[in-house]
Protein backbone atom coordinates (compact mmCIF):
# COMPACT_ATOMS: atom_id res chain seq x y z
CA MET A 1 0.01 0.00 0.01
CA ASN A 2 1.41 3.36 -1.05
CA GLU A 3 0.61 6.74 0.43
CA ILE A 4 -2.87 7.86 -0.57
CA LYS A 5 -3.39 11.43 -1.68
CA LYS A 6 -6.72 12.85 -0.62
CA GLN A 7 -8.65 15.01 -3.07
CA GLY A 8 -8.92 18.78 -2.73
CA LEU A 9 -5.28 19.85 -2.06
CA GLU A 10 -4.77 21.58 -5.42
CA ARG A 11 -8.05 23.43 -5.14
CA MET A 12 -7.20 24.61 -1.63
CA LEU A 13 -3.74 25.83 -2.65
CA LEU A 14 -5.08 27.71 -5.67
CA ARG A 15 -7.66 29.49 -3.51
CA HIS A 16 -4.94 30.73 -1.17
CA GLN A 17 -2.53 31.63 -3.96
CA ASP A 18 -4.98 34.03 -5.59
CA GLU A 19 -2.99 37.15 -6.57
CA ASN A 20 -5.92 39.45 -5.92
CA THR A 21 -6.19 38.20 -2.35
CA ILE A 22 -2.48 38.65 -1.71
CA GLU A 23 -2.61 42.20 -3.17
CA LYS A 24 -5.53 43.15 -0.91
CA ILE A 25 -3.64 41.88 2.15
CA GLN A 26 -0.56 43.80 0.98
CA GLN A 27 -2.59 47.01 0.88
CA ILE A 28 -3.68 46.45 4.48
CA VAL A 29 -0.11 45.80 5.54
CA ASN A 30 1.15 48.91 3.72
CA CYS A 31 -1.39 51.10 5.50
CA LEU A 32 -0.32 49.76 8.90
CA ILE A 33 3.37 50.28 8.12
CA GLU A 34 2.66 53.85 6.96
CA THR A 35 0.88 54.46 10.27
CA GLY A 36 4.00 53.42 12.11
CA PHE A 37 3.40 49.80 12.99
CA THR A 38 5.99 47.08 12.60
CA ILE A 39 4.41 44.17 10.76
CA SER A 40 5.86 40.66 10.73
CA THR A 41 4.10 37.37 10.06
CA LYS A 42 3.09 37.16 13.72
CA GLU A 43 1.40 40.56 13.60
CA LEU A 44 -0.38 39.65 10.40
CA HIS A 45 -1.83 36.48 11.91
CA ASP A 46 -2.60 38.34 15.14
CA LEU A 47 -4.51 41.00 13.13
CA SER A 48 -6.96 38.33 11.92
CA CYS A 49 -7.97 37.41 15.47
CA VAL A 50 -7.32 39.24 18.79
CA CYS A 51 -4.97 42.01 17.61
CA ALA A 52 -3.02 41.75 20.89
CA LEU A 53 0.44 42.37 19.39
CA LEU A 54 -0.62 45.42 17.44
CA THR A 55 -2.52 46.84 20.40
CA LYS A 56 0.64 46.53 22.47
CA GLN A 57 2.57 48.36 19.75
CA ALA A 58 -0.10 51.06 19.70
CA GLU A 59 0.24 51.58 23.46
CA GLU A 60 4.01 51.88 23.17
CA MET A 61 3.76 54.26 20.20
CA ALA A 62 1.21 56.45 21.99
CA LYS A 63 3.34 56.48 25.15
CA LYS A 64 6.45 57.47 23.19
CA ASP A 65 4.56 60.19 21.32
CA ALA A 66 3.13 61.64 24.53
CA SER A 67 6.46 61.58 26.37
CA ARG A 68 7.54 64.78 24.60
CA ILE A 69 4.82 66.71 26.51
CA LYS A 70 5.98 67.96 29.89
CA ILE A 71 2.58 68.89 31.36
CA ALA A 72 1.08 65.74 32.90
CA PHE A 73 -2.60 66.20 32.09
CA LYS A 74 -1.83 67.22 28.50
CA ARG A 75 0.51 64.24 28.18
CA GLU A 76 -2.26 61.92 29.35
CA GLU A 77 -4.72 63.56 26.97
CA ASP A 78 -2.35 63.26 24.05
CA TYR A 79 -1.66 59.61 24.96
CA LYS A 80 -5.35 58.79 24.93
CA GLU A 81 -6.01 60.61 21.64
CA THR A 82 -3.08 58.90 19.93
CA LEU A 83 -4.02 55.47 21.30
CA ASP A 84 -7.66 55.88 20.23
CA ARG A 85 -6.54 56.81 16.73
CA LEU A 86 -4.15 53.85 16.45
CA GLN A 87 -6.72 51.39 17.87
CA ALA A 88 -9.28 52.68 15.38
CA CYS A 89 -6.77 51.98 12.60
CA ILE A 90 -6.16 48.45 13.94
CA THR A 91 -9.91 47.74 14.16
CA GLU A 92 -10.51 49.02 10.62
CA LYS A 93 -7.67 46.99 9.12
CA ALA A 94 -8.58 43.90 11.13
CA ASN A 95 -12.11 44.04 9.71
CA GLU A 96 -10.73 44.52 6.22
CA LEU A 97 -8.40 41.52 6.60
CA ARG A 98 -11.17 39.28 7.92
CA LYS A 99 -13.29 40.27 4.92
CA VAL A 100 -10.44 39.45 2.53
CA LEU A 101 -9.93 36.12 4.30
CA LEU A 102 -13.68 35.42 3.85
CA TYR A 103 -14.30 35.00 7.58
CA HIS A 104 -17.95 35.83 6.89
CA THR A 105 -18.36 32.73 4.74
CA THR A 106 -18.49 28.98 5.41
CA LYS A 107 -15.16 28.46 3.68
CA PRO A 108 -12.73 31.09 5.00
CA LEU A 109 -9.08 31.24 3.97
CA ASP A 110 -6.36 30.24 6.42
CA GLU A 111 -4.38 33.27 7.62
CA ASN A 112 -1.38 30.95 8.14
CA ALA A 113 -1.15 30.63 4.34
CA TYR A 114 0.46 34.07 4.24
CA GLU A 115 3.77 35.42 5.51
CA ILE A 116 5.52 38.76 5.64
CA VAL A 117 8.98 38.85 4.02
CA ASP A 118 10.67 42.28 3.91
CA ASN A 119 7.26 43.96 4.41
CA CYS A 120 5.83 41.99 1.46
CA VAL A 121 2.93 39.54 1.75
CA VAL A 122 3.85 36.17 0.20
CA PHE A 123 2.23 32.78 -0.02
CA SER A 124 3.72 30.50 2.64
CA GLN A 125 5.50 27.44 1.21
CA THR A 126 5.83 26.06 4.75
CA TRP A 127 2.03 26.14 5.11
CA ALA A 128 1.63 24.54 1.67
CA GLU A 129 4.03 21.70 2.59
CA ARG A 130 2.22 21.16 5.89
CA LYS A 131 -1.13 21.00 4.10
CA ALA A 132 0.31 18.56 1.54
CA GLN A 133 1.25 16.25 4.43
CA GLU A 134 -2.24 16.58 5.92
CA PHE A 135 -3.71 15.45 2.59
CA MET A 136 -1.61 12.27 2.55
CA ILE A 137 -2.70 9.03 4.18
CA PRO A 138 0.45 7.06 5.07
CA PRO A 139 0.38 3.27 5.34
CA THR A 140 0.10 1.75 8.81
CA ILE A 141 -0.22 -1.84 10.03
CA THR A 142 -3.99 -1.41 10.51
CA ARG A 143 -4.45 0.26 7.10
CA LEU A 144 -2.40 -2.46 5.42
CA ARG A 145 -4.65 -5.08 7.02
CA ALA A 146 -7.77 -3.22 5.88
CA LYS A 147 -6.36 -3.00 2.36
CA GLY A 148 -5.67 -6.72 2.39
CA LEU A 149 -9.24 -7.48 3.47
CA ILE A 150 -10.64 -5.20 0.77
CA ASN A 151 -8.49 -6.91 -1.86
CA ASN A 152 -9.81 -10.28 -0.69
CA VAL A 153 -13.40 -9.07 -1.01
CA LYS A 154 -12.67 -7.58 -4.45
CA GLU A 155 -11.14 -10.84 -5.63
CA ALA A 156 -14.05 -12.90 -4.24
CA ILE A 157 -16.62 -10.67 -5.98
CA SER A 158 -14.78 -10.96 -9.29
CA GLU A 159 -14.59 -14.76 -8.98
CA LEU A 160 -18.28 -15.08 -8.04
CA ASN A 161 -19.42 -12.89 -10.93
CA ALA A 162 -17.13 -14.78 -13.31
CA PHE A 163 -18.55 -18.07 -12.04
CA VAL A 164 -22.07 -17.24 -13.28
CA ALA A 165 -21.05 -15.05 -16.22
CA ASP A 166 -21.91 -17.74 -18.81
CA ASN A 167 -25.09 -18.85 -17.03
CA PRO A 168 -28.15 -17.20 -18.69
CA ASN A 169 -30.18 -17.69 -15.52
CA PHE A 170 -28.11 -15.15 -13.60
CA GLY A 171 -27.55 -11.45 -13.92
CA LYS A 172 -24.69 -11.34 -11.43
CA GLY A 173 -23.07 -13.56 -8.86
CA ILE A 174 -23.37 -10.78 -6.27
CA THR A 175 -25.26 -7.52 -6.62
CA THR A 176 -27.34 -5.03 -4.61
CA SER A 177 -30.94 -4.85 -3.43
CA HIS A 178 -31.68 -2.44 -6.30
CA ASP A 179 -30.89 -5.08 -8.92
CA SER A 180 -33.87 -7.30 -9.75
CA ARG A 181 -31.82 -9.85 -11.66
CA ARG A 182 -31.18 -13.28 -10.19
CA CYS A 183 -28.02 -13.60 -8.15
CA LEU A 184 -26.38 -15.87 -5.57
CA CYS A 185 -26.07 -13.12 -2.94
CA TRP A 186 -26.69 -9.42 -2.53
CA LEU A 187 -26.04 -6.43 -0.28
CA ASP A 188 -28.75 -4.22 1.19
CA ASP A 189 -28.50 -0.45 1.73
CA ASP A 190 -26.96 -0.98 5.19
CA GLY A 191 -24.23 -3.24 3.79
CA GLY A 192 -25.93 -6.36 5.08
CA PHE A 193 -25.14 -9.62 3.28
CA HIS A 194 -27.93 -11.88 2.03
CA GLU A 195 -27.60 -15.28 0.41
CA GLU A 196 -30.21 -16.44 -2.16
CA GLN A 197 -30.25 -20.15 -1.34
CA GLU A 198 -32.95 -21.05 -3.85
CA ALA A 199 -30.79 -19.64 -6.64
CA TYR A 200 -28.51 -22.65 -6.37
CA GLU A 201 -31.19 -24.59 -8.26
CA PHE A 202 -30.16 -22.79 -11.45
CA ILE A 203 -26.52 -23.74 -11.26
């Protein structure tokens, strides 16, 4: 038994590699950088959920900006105004990112599919390789045994059908409950096995 590749990997990768999506995320990143934020892959992923890292940056930026004011109450007022402005920016861009990532749909994109390299948004090859592994079913002792049992069933079905192939009294050796032709045995909709004992008369 070789590794089995599940269906859907190529479709998933193509969805995440969409150039229009990457460009929209890049625009969001550019705006945050222009505002003064430092954006790495961690901040990008954080922006799609709790925004904790960027909020911490906003607090530090507001504190640094207000430190130039010597009067305490004005410094506190400036700090609050700057922080409110930065948090509003974070909230706006977080909502934009979630929209780009289709969080409002039943099939959202995975934020981990994107990385920041030199301030540029790129498709993550590490994520793609991880997904490729997730879509592979490796052989195990139990799976090998199951494969062997299935092969035995497949061989038995072929032999039984071949056994009655030249007999005009039979449609199949084994069939399903939806087949009205005569057979030696059949399977119901629940996978139950039934033997047609009276059919032996026609052999």
